[in-house]
Protein backbone atom coordinates (compact mmCIF):
# COMPACT_ATOMS: atom_id res chain seq x y z
CA UNK A 1 -0.12 -0.10 0.13
CA UNK A 2 1.44 3.29 -0.96
CA UNK A 3 2.30 6.02 1.62
CA UNK A 4 -0.42 8.35 -0.20
CA UNK A 5 -3.12 6.03 0.24
CA UNK A 6 -2.41 5.10 3.83
CA UNK A 7 -2.36 8.79 4.49
CA UNK A 8 -5.88 9.12 2.77
CA UNK A 9 -7.14 6.03 4.75
CA UNK A 10 -5.89 7.45 7.93
CA UNK A 11 -7.46 10.88 7.23
CA UNK A 12 -10.75 9.21 6.37
CA UNK A 13 -10.64 7.25 9.71
CA UNK A 14 -9.73 10.27 11.63
CA UNK A 15 -12.90 12.09 10.07
CA UNK A 16 -15.31 9.14 10.49
CA UNK A 17 -14.21 9.03 14.34
CA UNK A 18 -14.48 13.03 14.48
CA UNK A 19 -17.99 12.67 12.96
CA UNK A 20 -19.10 9.81 15.11
CA UNK A 21 -17.65 11.91 18.37
CA UNK A 22 -19.72 14.92 17.07
CA UNK A 23 -22.90 12.98 16.95
CA UNK A 24 -22.47 11.27 20.34
CA UNK A 25 -21.88 14.73 21.79
CA UNK A 26 -24.93 16.01 20.17
CA UNK A 27 -27.81 16.63 22.92
CA UNK A 28 -30.64 14.28 23.73
CA UNK A 29 -33.73 15.88 22.67
CA UNK A 30 -36.76 15.56 24.93
CA UNK A 31 -39.80 16.61 23.31
CA UNK A 32 -43.39 17.61 24.64
CA UNK A 33 -46.39 19.80 24.28
CA UNK A 34 -47.71 22.08 27.07
CA UNK A 35 -50.79 24.48 27.09
CA UNK A 36 -48.78 27.71 27.59
CA UNK A 37 -51.99 29.75 26.42
CA UNK A 38 -55.46 28.98 26.68
CA UNK A 39 -57.32 27.39 29.63
CA UNK A 40 -54.39 25.10 30.74
CA UNK A 41 -51.87 28.17 30.80
CA UNK A 42 -51.77 28.68 34.41
CA UNK A 43 -50.59 25.02 34.97
CA UNK A 44 -48.87 24.78 31.84
CA UNK A 45 -46.29 27.42 32.53
CA UNK A 46 -45.28 26.01 35.92
CA UNK A 47 -45.01 22.49 34.49
CA UNK A 48 -42.57 24.14 31.87
CA UNK A 49 -40.38 25.66 34.62
CA UNK A 50 -40.31 22.24 36.41
CA UNK A 51 -39.03 20.60 33.51
CA UNK A 52 -36.23 23.40 32.92
CA UNK A 53 -35.19 22.67 36.52
CA UNK A 54 -35.01 18.96 35.81
CA UNK A 55 -33.06 19.58 32.60
CA UNK A 56 -30.65 21.73 34.42
CA UNK A 57 -30.19 19.31 37.39
CA UNK A 58 -29.60 16.43 34.86
CA UNK A 59 -27.01 18.47 32.99
CA UNK A 60 -25.18 19.53 36.13
CA UNK A 61 -24.73 15.72 36.67
CA UNK A 62 -23.31 15.03 33.27
CA UNK A 63 -26.50 14.67 31.35
CA UNK A 64 -28.02 11.23 30.04
CA UNK A 65 -25.65 8.73 28.55
CA UNK A 66 -22.82 11.25 28.62
CA UNK A 67 -24.84 13.75 26.71
CA UNK A 68 -26.60 16.93 27.61
CA UNK A 69 -30.26 17.24 27.52
CA UNK A 70 -32.25 19.79 25.45
CA UNK A 71 -35.96 20.29 25.69
CA UNK A 72 -38.05 20.71 22.37
CA UNK A 73 -41.61 21.95 23.26
CA UNK A 74 -44.52 23.75 21.73
CA UNK A 75 -47.51 25.40 22.92
CA UNK A 76 -50.72 23.35 22.17
CA UNK A 77 -52.81 26.34 23.13
CA UNK A 78 -54.84 23.97 25.41
CA UNK A 79 -56.55 22.93 22.01
CA UNK A 80 -56.52 19.14 21.66
CA UNK A 81 -56.70 19.48 17.96
CA UNK A 82 -53.22 20.71 17.85
CA UNK A 83 -51.46 17.89 19.74
CA UNK A 84 -51.42 15.34 17.03
CA UNK A 85 -49.65 17.66 14.62
CA UNK A 86 -47.17 18.87 17.47
CA UNK A 87 -46.18 15.31 18.14
CA UNK A 88 -45.86 14.19 14.55
CA UNK A 89 -43.53 17.42 14.21
CA UNK A 90 -41.41 16.26 17.25
CA UNK A 91 -41.19 12.94 15.81
CA UNK A 92 -40.69 13.32 12.22
CA UNK A 93 -39.15 16.94 11.79
CA UNK A 94 -37.32 17.61 15.13
CA UNK A 95 -36.34 14.03 15.44
CA UNK A 96 -36.45 14.15 19.26
CA UNK A 97 -34.94 11.08 21.23
CA UNK A 98 -37.61 11.04 23.97
CA UNK A 99 -41.06 12.25 24.77
CA UNK A 100 -43.12 13.48 27.53
CA UNK A 101 -46.51 14.72 27.94
CA UNK A 102 -48.63 16.39 26.87
CA UNK A 103 -50.22 17.82 29.93
CA UNK A 104 -53.97 17.25 30.52
CA UNK A 105 -56.46 14.49 29.85
CA UNK A 106 -58.27 15.95 26.64
CA UNK A 107 -54.71 16.69 25.11
CA UNK A 108 -53.06 13.45 25.80
CA UNK A 109 -56.16 11.67 24.50
CA UNK A 110 -55.66 13.44 21.20
CA UNK A 111 -51.97 12.58 21.00
CA UNK A 112 -52.28 9.09 21.93
CA UNK A 113 -52.89 7.53 18.26
CA UNK A 114 -49.76 9.31 16.96
CA UNK A 115 -47.75 7.72 19.71
CA UNK A 116 -49.17 4.21 18.96
CA UNK A 117 -48.68 4.58 15.33
CA UNK A 118 -44.94 5.32 15.95
CA UNK A 119 -44.64 2.70 18.83
CA UNK A 120 -43.09 5.56 21.12
CA UNK A 121 -43.22 5.91 24.78
CA UNK A 122 -44.38 8.80 26.74
CA UNK A 123 -45.00 9.84 30.40
CA UNK A 124 -48.03 12.11 30.34
CA UNK A 125 -48.51 14.82 33.06
CA UNK A 126 -51.69 14.90 35.32
CA UNK A 127 -53.85 13.13 32.56
CA UNK A 128 -56.62 10.73 33.75
CA UNK A 129 -57.64 7.27 32.47
CA UNK A 130 -56.46 8.03 28.83
CA UNK A 131 -55.12 4.46 28.46
CA UNK A 132 -58.35 2.67 29.47
CA UNK A 133 -59.63 2.25 25.96
CA UNK A 134 -56.09 1.29 24.29
CA UNK A 135 -54.24 -0.77 26.92
CA UNK A 136 -51.12 0.59 25.11
CA UNK A 137 -48.04 -0.76 27.07
CA UNK A 138 -45.73 2.41 26.30
CA UNK A 139 -47.92 4.72 28.01
CA UNK A 140 -47.46 6.15 31.58
CA UNK A 141 -49.12 8.73 33.55
CA UNK A 142 -47.71 10.87 36.13
CA UNK A 143 -50.71 11.22 38.17
CA UNK A 144 -51.26 9.89 41.67
CA UNK A 145 -54.71 8.38 41.20
CA UNK A 146 -53.77 4.69 41.29
CA UNK A 147 -54.94 1.83 38.95
CA UNK A 148 -58.70 3.06 38.71
CA UNK A 149 -58.23 6.80 37.90
CA UNK A 150 -61.89 7.20 36.77
CA UNK A 151 -63.15 6.44 40.35
CA UNK A 152 -60.28 7.63 42.27
CA UNK A 153 -60.83 11.24 41.10
CA UNK A 154 -63.99 11.40 43.17
CA UNK A 155 -63.66 8.75 45.71
CA UNK A 156 -62.78 10.92 48.76
CA UNK A 157 -65.64 13.22 48.20
CA UNK A 158 -68.12 10.33 48.22
CA UNK A 159 -66.35 8.56 51.09
CA UNK A 160 -66.68 11.73 53.07
CA UNK A 161 -70.50 12.05 51.96
CA UNK A 162 -71.33 8.64 52.98
CA UNK A 163 -69.94 9.19 56.63
CA UNK A 164 -71.78 12.44 57.41
CA UNK A 165 -74.69 12.78 59.51
CA UNK A 166 -77.22 14.15 59.03
CA UNK A 167 -77.14 11.59 56.04
CA UNK A 168 -76.40 12.92 52.64
CA UNK A 169 -79.18 11.59 50.35
CA UNK A 170 -79.14 13.37 46.96
CA UNK A 171 -76.23 14.71 44.56
CA UNK A 172 -75.85 16.97 41.47
CA UNK A 173 -73.30 16.15 38.95
CA UNK A 174 -71.82 19.04 36.88
CA UNK A 175 -68.68 18.74 34.51
CA UNK A 176 -67.17 20.17 31.39
CA UNK A 177 -67.99 18.35 28.23
CA UNK A 178 -64.55 17.05 27.48
CA UNK A 179 -62.52 14.07 28.27
CA UNK A 180 -61.46 15.19 31.56
CA UNK A 181 -65.06 16.12 32.67
CA UNK A 182 -66.55 12.98 31.14
CA UNK A 183 -64.06 10.93 33.02
CA UNK A 184 -64.52 12.58 36.34
CA UNK A 185 -68.23 12.58 36.03
CA UNK A 186 -68.40 8.97 35.02
CA UNK A 187 -66.56 7.99 38.07
CA UNK A 188 -68.49 10.36 40.26
CA UNK A 189 -71.77 8.77 39.14
CA UNK A 190 -70.56 5.32 40.07
CA UNK A 191 -69.20 6.48 43.36
CA UNK A 192 -72.58 8.27 44.18
CA UNK A 193 -74.54 5.30 43.74
CA UNK A 194 -72.10 3.10 45.69
CA UNK A 195 -72.34 5.58 48.43
CA UNK A 196 -76.23 5.31 48.37
CA UNK A 197 -76.90 8.73 46.96
CA UNK A 198 -79.67 9.61 44.64
CA UNK A 199 -78.45 11.51 41.38
CA UNK A 200 -80.82 14.51 40.91
CA UNK A 201 -78.92 16.66 38.31
CA UNK A 202 -76.25 15.00 35.82
CA UNK A 203 -75.14 17.12 33.12
CA UNK A 204 -72.27 18.42 31.13
CA UNK A 205 -71.80 21.96 30.09
CA UNK A 206 -70.23 22.90 26.83
CA UNK A 207 -66.88 24.55 26.51
CA UNK A 208 -66.49 27.50 26.41
CA UNK A 209 -69.28 28.62 28.79
CA UNK A 210 -68.85 32.13 30.11
CA UNK A 211 -72.01 32.41 32.38
CA UNK A 212 -72.73 29.74 34.99
CA UNK A 213 -75.35 31.44 36.93
CA UNK A 214 -78.25 29.94 34.87
CA UNK A 215 -76.71 26.60 35.28
CA UNK A 216 -76.14 26.94 39.01
CA UNK A 217 -79.66 27.98 39.20
CA UNK A 218 -80.75 24.68 37.64
CA UNK A 219 -78.76 22.81 39.99
CA UNK A 220 -80.04 24.59 42.95
CA UNK A 221 -83.84 24.03 41.74
CA UNK A 222 -82.98 20.20 42.28
CA UNK A 223 -82.39 21.00 45.84
CA UNK A 224 -79.20 18.63 46.35
CA UNK A 225 -77.46 17.78 49.52
CA UNK A 226 -74.20 17.67 47.56
CA UNK A 227 -72.96 19.38 44.48
CA UNK A 228 -69.96 17.65 42.58
CA UNK A 229 -68.21 19.69 39.82
CA UNK A 230 -65.38 18.86 37.31
CA UNK A 231 -64.25 21.99 36.01
CA UNK A 232 -61.14 23.50 34.14
CA UNK A 233 -59.46 26.43 35.71
CA UNK A 234 -61.47 29.58 34.14
CA UNK A 235 -64.67 27.48 34.59
CA UNK A 236 -63.77 26.96 37.99
CA UNK A 237 -63.66 30.69 38.62
CA UNK A 238 -67.11 31.19 36.94
CA UNK A 239 -68.82 28.36 38.91
CA UNK A 240 -67.51 29.59 42.29
CA UNK A 241 -68.70 33.19 41.65
CA UNK A 242 -72.02 31.83 40.47
CA UNK A 243 -72.54 29.68 43.52
CA UNK A 244 -71.94 32.57 45.75
CA UNK A 245 -74.10 34.95 43.55
CA UNK A 246 -77.24 32.55 43.69
CA UNK A 247 -76.55 31.65 47.44
CA UNK A 248 -76.04 28.04 46.72
CA UNK A 249 -77.55 26.07 49.66
CA UNK A 250 -76.11 22.52 49.78
CA UNK A 251 -74.36 20.51 52.49
CA UNK A 252 -71.20 19.60 50.40
CA UNK A 253 -69.77 21.64 47.49
CA UNK A 254 -66.72 20.79 45.54
CA UNK A 255 -65.23 18.16 43.57
CA UNK A 256 -62.18 18.07 40.87
CA UNK A 257 -62.19 21.72 40.10
CA UNK A 258 -58.76 22.32 38.53
CA UNK A 259 -58.90 26.12 39.24
CA UNK A 260 -58.56 25.63 42.77
CA UNK A 261 -54.97 24.49 42.11
CA UNK A 262 -53.94 27.32 40.39
CA UNK A 263 -52.59 30.05 42.79
CA UNK A 264 -53.51 33.31 40.68
CA UNK A 265 -56.99 31.91 40.35
CA UNK A 266 -57.09 31.01 44.09
CA UNK A 267 -56.06 34.55 44.83
CA UNK A 268 -58.74 35.65 42.56
CA UNK A 269 -61.42 33.79 44.51
CA UNK A 270 -60.11 34.24 48.14
CA UNK A 271 -62.70 33.87 50.69
CA UNK A 272 -65.44 32.70 47.95
CA UNK A 273 -63.44 29.41 48.14
CA UNK A 274 -64.40 28.77 51.98
CA UNK A 275 -66.05 25.49 52.23
CA UNK A 276 -65.35 23.85 49.07
CA UNK A 277 -64.09 20.33 49.13
CA UNK A 278 -61.88 19.40 46.50
CA UNK A 279 -59.17 16.90 45.31
CA UNK A 280 -55.37 17.71 45.51
CA UNK A 281 -52.57 15.60 44.33
CA UNK A 282 -49.78 17.36 46.27
CA UNK A 283 -50.19 19.50 49.42
CA UNK A 284 -47.42 21.50 51.40
CA UNK A 285 -47.56 18.75 54.13
CA UNK A 286 -46.10 16.27 51.97
CA UNK A 287 -42.22 15.77 52.48
CA UNK A 288 -40.79 13.39 49.98
CA UNK A 289 -36.93 13.48 49.17
CA UNK A 290 -35.97 16.67 47.15
CA UNK A 291 -39.74 18.02 47.07
CA UNK A 292 -39.34 20.94 49.35
CA UNK A 293 -35.78 21.99 47.85
CA UNK A 294 -37.55 21.76 44.34
CA UNK A 295 -40.50 23.95 45.47
CA UNK A 296 -38.12 26.42 47.02
CA UNK A 297 -35.98 26.70 43.91
CA UNK A 298 -39.37 26.94 41.69
CA UNK A 299 -40.66 29.81 43.95
CA UNK A 300 -37.31 31.68 43.66
CA UNK A 301 -37.63 31.38 39.69
CA UNK A 302 -41.33 32.34 39.67
CA UNK A 303 -40.63 35.33 41.85
CA UNK A 304 -37.99 36.57 39.60
CA UNK A 305 -39.92 35.84 36.18
CA UNK A 306 -43.37 36.86 37.39
CA UNK A 307 -46.42 36.01 35.42
CA UNK A 308 -46.46 32.30 36.54
CA UNK A 309 -47.91 30.32 39.79
CA UNK A 310 -45.71 31.76 42.59
CA UNK A 311 -46.12 28.59 44.78
CA UNK A 312 -46.41 25.84 42.27
CA UNK A 313 -47.62 22.85 44.69
CA UNK A 314 -50.31 21.20 42.59
CA UNK A 315 -48.19 20.70 39.28
CA UNK A 316 -44.31 21.37 39.70
CA UNK A 317 -43.66 18.24 41.55
CA UNK A 318 -45.39 16.17 38.95
CA UNK A 319 -43.53 17.75 36.10
CA UNK A 320 -40.18 17.26 37.55
CA UNK A 321 -41.13 13.63 38.69
CA UNK A 322 -42.03 12.79 35.00
CA UNK A 323 -38.40 13.87 34.10
CA UNK A 324 -36.94 11.85 36.93
CA UNK A 325 -38.71 8.61 35.84
CA UNK A 326 -37.51 9.21 32.37
CA UNK A 327 -33.99 9.91 33.37
CA UNK A 328 -33.92 6.89 35.63
CA UNK A 329 -35.20 4.56 32.76
CA UNK A 330 -32.47 5.88 30.38
CA UNK A 331 -29.83 5.23 32.91
CA UNK A 332 -31.12 2.05 33.74
CA UNK A 333 -31.31 0.71 30.17
CA UNK A 334 -28.33 2.58 29.12
CA UNK A 335 -30.63 3.04 25.92
CA UNK A 336 -32.92 5.46 24.19
CA UNK A 337 -34.89 2.58 22.82
CA UNK A 338 -38.58 3.17 23.48
CA UNK A 339 -39.69 -0.18 23.83
CA UNK A 340 -36.56 -1.21 26.26
CA UNK A 341 -37.67 2.00 28.30
CA UNK A 342 -41.21 1.01 28.51
CA UNK A 343 -40.21 -2.64 29.56
CA UNK A 344 -38.01 -1.05 32.32
CA UNK A 345 -40.72 1.36 33.57
CA UNK A 346 -43.08 -1.55 33.79
CA UNK A 347 -40.67 -3.67 35.91
CA UNK A 348 -38.96 -1.10 38.14
CA UNK A 349 -40.01 1.32 40.87
CA UNK A 350 -38.89 4.98 40.74
CA UNK A 351 -37.78 7.29 43.45
CA UNK A 352 -39.10 10.79 42.90
CA UNK A 353 -40.14 14.07 44.49
CA UNK A 354 -43.61 12.75 44.63
CA UNK A 355 -42.49 9.61 46.48
CA UNK A 356 -41.79 6.09 45.02
CA UNK A 357 -43.77 5.46 41.98
CA UNK A 358 -44.34 2.05 40.37
CA UNK A 359 -46.73 1.71 37.28
CA UNK A 360 -49.41 -1.13 36.51
CA UNK A 361 -49.95 -2.64 33.18
CA UNK A 362 -51.90 0.35 31.64
CA UNK A 363 -49.11 2.82 32.94
CA UNK A 364 -51.14 4.12 35.92
CA UNK A 365 -49.71 4.26 39.42
CA UNK A 366 -49.79 0.84 41.02
CA UNK A 367 -50.80 2.63 44.49
CA UNK A 368 -52.91 5.96 44.72
CA UNK A 369 -51.66 8.93 46.84
CA UNK A 370 -54.00 11.96 46.87
CA UNK A 371 -56.21 13.85 49.41
CA UNK A 372 -59.23 15.84 49.61
CA UNK A 373 -58.89 19.36 51.25
CA UNK A 374 -61.38 22.10 52.24
CA UNK A 375 -60.82 25.70 52.24
CA UNK A 376 -61.69 27.17 55.61
CA UNK A 377 -61.59 30.61 57.27
CA UNK A 378 -60.09 32.58 54.26
CA UNK A 379 -60.52 36.33 55.03
CA UNK A 380 -58.43 37.52 52.22
CA UNK A 381 -56.57 37.28 48.96
CA UNK A 382 -53.17 36.96 50.03
CA UNK A 383 -50.66 34.10 49.32
CA UNK A 384 -49.78 33.72 52.82
CA UNK A 385 -53.24 32.45 53.67
CA UNK A 386 -53.28 30.35 50.44
CA UNK A 387 -50.27 28.15 51.75
CA UNK A 388 -51.16 28.10 55.26
CA UNK A 389 -52.28 24.65 56.25
CA UNK A 390 -54.96 26.17 58.65
CA UNK A 391 -56.85 27.27 55.62
CA UNK A 392 -56.14 24.67 53.05
CA UNK A 393 -57.22 21.68 55.55
CA UNK A 394 -56.63 18.05 54.41
CA UNK A 395 -59.78 16.13 55.44
CA UNK A 396 -59.47 12.64 53.62
CA UNK A 397 -57.87 10.25 54.19
CA UNK A 398 -57.27 10.05 57.78
CA UNK A 399 -53.47 9.20 57.04
CA UNK A 400 -52.87 12.69 55.68
CA UNK A 401 -55.66 14.82 57.54
CA UNK A 402 -54.63 17.90 59.15
CA UNK A 403 -58.19 18.95 60.42
CA UNK A 404 -61.94 18.20 60.28
CA UNK A 405 -64.63 18.85 57.48
CA UNK A 406 -66.80 21.98 58.30
CA UNK A 407 -70.28 20.54 57.78
CA UNK A 408 -72.55 21.69 56.19
CA UNK A 409 -71.01 23.84 53.40
CA UNK A 410 -73.33 26.82 54.48
CA UNK A 411 -71.52 26.83 57.98
CA UNK A 412 -68.22 27.35 56.24
CA UNK A 413 -69.45 30.38 54.58
CA UNK A 414 -69.99 32.21 58.01
C-alpha cells in the first residue's frame, strides 16, 4: 500500500471518528407539548419551569448517557386538535429522542394515536384514564390516582359524603363536556350510587361557557344535598362566583375543580372558596425526598420571572417527577430505545419528588396517593393564607388529615 493511500485512509478514519464523536456529543432531545396559552396556561407554565429545572439538574450531573439534555416543546394552546400535529412534528421533523406529555387528559387523548402509530413511549402529566380504551404498553401517567383513576378522582368526596350525619341523600353532578369532565363525572356517578346517593342532576356544560349563573340556578332547583363539579381553571372561577351569587344552599360543594390548584386563580377567588371540598394531588404537608428543595427553587424562579404561579404545589412536583422517571429509565437501560424504556418502566420502581412510584400494566400508578381538602376561614386574597395549612385543610384520608370538615357547606361560609 502506497504511503499516499495510507495517509488518505488515515485521514478518512480520523474524519469518521470525529463525525461519530460529534454525533455522540449532540444533545438528547426531549420533546413535549404544554398548554402555555388557553385554559391550561396557569398550570402549563409552571410545568415548563419544573421541566427546565429538571433539565438543568440532569445536565449539571453530566446529562444522560454522557450527553446534555435539550428540551424541544410547543404550545398546544390547550386545544386537543393541535397535539397530533405537534407530536408528529416532534417525531418526524425535530427527531426528538425522548417524549413527555402532553399535560392534561383531553390533550393526551388527542396525541395518543400518534404515539401508538409510531410505537413510542411517553409519560403524560396529570392526565387521567387515557389508556383505559387502548391498553397501550408504552404509555405512562404521572398522576397519583392509582389503578382506577376514573373512580379515584372523586372517591374521597363520596367517602366523606357517605360518612356524614345528618345523612347526605342526593347529589348533583356537573362537568365540562370534554375528556377530563366526562371521566370525572363517570367516576362520580358510580361512586355516588355506591355511596347510596340519589342523583338529581347530571349534565355536562359545553366549552367554553362564560355565564354559569343559569346552570347553578338549575342545579339549585333540584335541592341537592351535595354538588360535585369537574371543571377546568377558568370555569372553576365562574362556577365559584355563580354559586356565591345565587346563594347556593347545599351540604357539600366541590369536586375536581382544577382552578382551585392554580394560585393566581385562588388569589382571585379568596374567601369565595371557603367550604369547598376539592381533590388535591400534592399538598405542602407532603415531604418526599427533594420535594421541598424543588419547590423552594421553583418559587425563587417564579418570583423573578413573574407571571406564573408563585407557589407551584399542584403541578411542579409532577412535571419534575416525570423527568426523573424518564432519566432513571434511560440510566437503567443505557438506551434511548422506546420499547426497552417501556419494559424497564413496567418492571421497576422509581424514587421521585412525589414519592416512590411504580406503574401498572396500563401505565397508571400501582398505588394511589392523593387527598381531599377543604378551604376554611379565608379572610383575604393574600398568598400567605393560600399556603397556610390552617386554611387549606386536608380532611381525607385520615392518614394525611390535618383537620376536620366543616359541615354543612353553608356553615363554612359564615
